């Protein structure tokens, strides 16, 4: 069943931090209407809310829209369709930059979304004072960044156990796939059964020589001005060396009386 309020226009309501706060914040919301819906944002039950302050959390959104009906999930994002991941396996928490965000509010029933679109006012988000601001908030944020060595060790060990378990399951699955089926076919996996041969010094030299040869092919010779100048200088030096060697050779032939120019 789809919502009867198929509206594309945003509605604006004031979001009060406490009851009768003198400086409320205005948020905008409408029904989440897209061509392709996902399981976490079902059609007819999802409310799209924008311009949410950085300090607002999931509990705040539930309190603000609690008169509309029961809420199934609250998904915050910086951009549309880019949900902020809540990864519990992050060992060192990154410093979060405060940004205004948007939210996907999923109600348990279609009636909840209809009631939300009919609301004329929102409930205060900090009626039970669960939010902290100012100096107290900064102290809590700083304390939350400091991890105890024992807690960090436990989280790392738990992560490694899950990783080893997952790796073992993948290897067992690949091993089963490599076995012959009833028709004699074998599935080729990324690991395969080919064992790599050890590199000897001879094999290593061959590989290095091949790489050196390929580098020389790619190298640009006599392309730049300084390369042309250097090649000319090297050629002149080699000619002088050859001339000196020829002079020594002629001198040796004269001494041995074997030099017969005519």
Foldseek 3Di string as FASTA:
>chain_A
DAAPPPDPDWDKAWAAQEPPDPDTDIKIKDADDDDDDDPVQDHLFKMKIFQAWQQDDPQLVCQFLVVLDAWDDKFKDADPPHTDDDDPLDLQDDDDDTDTIMMIIGHPDSSSNVSSVVDPHTHHRCHVPPGDDDPVVVVVVVVVRDDDPVVSVVSVVVVVVVVVVVVVVVVVVQVVQQDADPVRDHDADPVGDDDDDDDDPVNVVVVVVVVVVVVVVVDDAPPDPVRVVVVVVVVVVVVVVVVVVVVVVVVVCVVVVNDDPD
